[in-house]
């Protein structure tokens, strides 16, 4: 499945933002973000066709989103 965007919301209440993935030479896609330390972020992937899904290797899940601890 093509992961085309990364959308995150800080648990501190920061608004969600979308970050498009850049296509790499090897055909994979990636995004690089600088996130503040000591926070937890909820995120999901947005694939083509408005299909949202979670990351199996995240720090956790909250039932609706993947969790990333910084």
Protein backbone atom coordinates (compact mmCIF):
# COMPACT_ATOMS: atom_id res chain seq x y z
CA UNK A 1 0.00 0.00 0.00
CA UNK A 2 1.30 3.46 -0.88
CA UNK A 3 1.61 5.64 2.21
CA UNK A 4 1.27 9.14 0.82
CA UNK A 5 1.00 11.43 3.88
CA UNK A 6 1.73 11.53 7.59
CA UNK A 7 -0.71 13.38 9.82
CA UNK A 8 0.10 14.03 13.47
CA UNK A 9 -1.48 15.71 16.48
CA UNK A 10 0.41 16.40 19.69
CA UNK A 11 -1.29 15.27 22.89
CA UNK A 12 -0.70 18.83 24.09
CA UNK A 13 -3.46 19.93 21.73
CA UNK A 14 -1.43 21.22 18.79
CA UNK A 15 -3.46 21.17 15.58
CA UNK A 16 -3.04 18.33 13.14
CA UNK A 17 -0.79 18.91 10.19
CA UNK A 18 -0.16 16.91 7.04
CA UNK A 19 3.28 16.14 5.71
CA UNK A 20 3.48 14.61 2.22
CA UNK A 21 5.89 11.74 1.69
CA UNK A 22 8.71 12.27 -0.81
CA UNK A 23 9.43 9.49 -3.28
CA UNK A 24 12.95 8.06 -2.96
CA UNK A 25 15.15 6.72 -5.76
CA UNK A 26 14.49 3.13 -4.60
CA UNK A 27 10.71 3.61 -4.98
CA UNK A 28 9.92 3.91 -1.26
CA UNK A 29 8.51 7.08 0.27
CA UNK A 30 9.67 8.94 3.37
CA UNK A 31 9.09 12.07 5.41
CA UNK A 32 11.48 13.63 7.91
CA UNK A 33 10.14 15.72 10.78
CA UNK A 34 11.76 17.43 13.75
CA UNK A 35 9.49 16.90 16.76
CA UNK A 36 9.92 18.40 20.23
CA UNK A 37 11.28 16.05 22.89
CA UNK A 38 9.21 14.79 25.79
CA UNK A 39 5.86 14.70 24.00
CA UNK A 40 3.53 12.06 22.66
CA UNK A 41 2.17 12.36 19.14
CA UNK A 42 -0.80 10.59 17.61
CA UNK A 43 -0.46 9.86 13.92
CA UNK A 44 -1.95 7.98 11.02
CA UNK A 45 -1.03 7.36 7.41
CA UNK A 46 -3.23 8.61 4.60
CA UNK A 47 -3.17 6.51 1.45
CA UNK A 48 -4.70 7.36 -1.88
CA UNK A 49 -8.48 7.20 -1.86
CA UNK A 50 -8.89 8.68 1.63
CA UNK A 51 -7.86 5.42 3.32
CA UNK A 52 -6.35 6.02 6.79
CA UNK A 53 -4.31 3.37 8.58
CA UNK A 54 -1.97 2.98 11.56
CA UNK A 55 1.67 1.97 12.03
CA UNK A 56 2.09 -1.54 13.45
CA UNK A 57 5.56 -0.68 14.83
CA UNK A 58 4.51 2.51 16.68
CA UNK A 59 5.15 3.07 20.40
CA UNK A 60 1.49 2.25 20.99
CA UNK A 61 -2.10 2.55 19.76
CA UNK A 62 -5.00 4.46 21.29
CA UNK A 63 -7.78 2.74 19.38
CA UNK A 64 -7.90 5.33 16.60
CA UNK A 65 -4.28 6.37 16.05
CA UNK A 66 -0.68 5.24 16.32
CA UNK A 67 1.37 6.79 19.16
CA UNK A 68 4.93 8.11 18.97
CA UNK A 69 6.83 9.14 22.11
CA UNK A 70 9.68 11.62 21.62
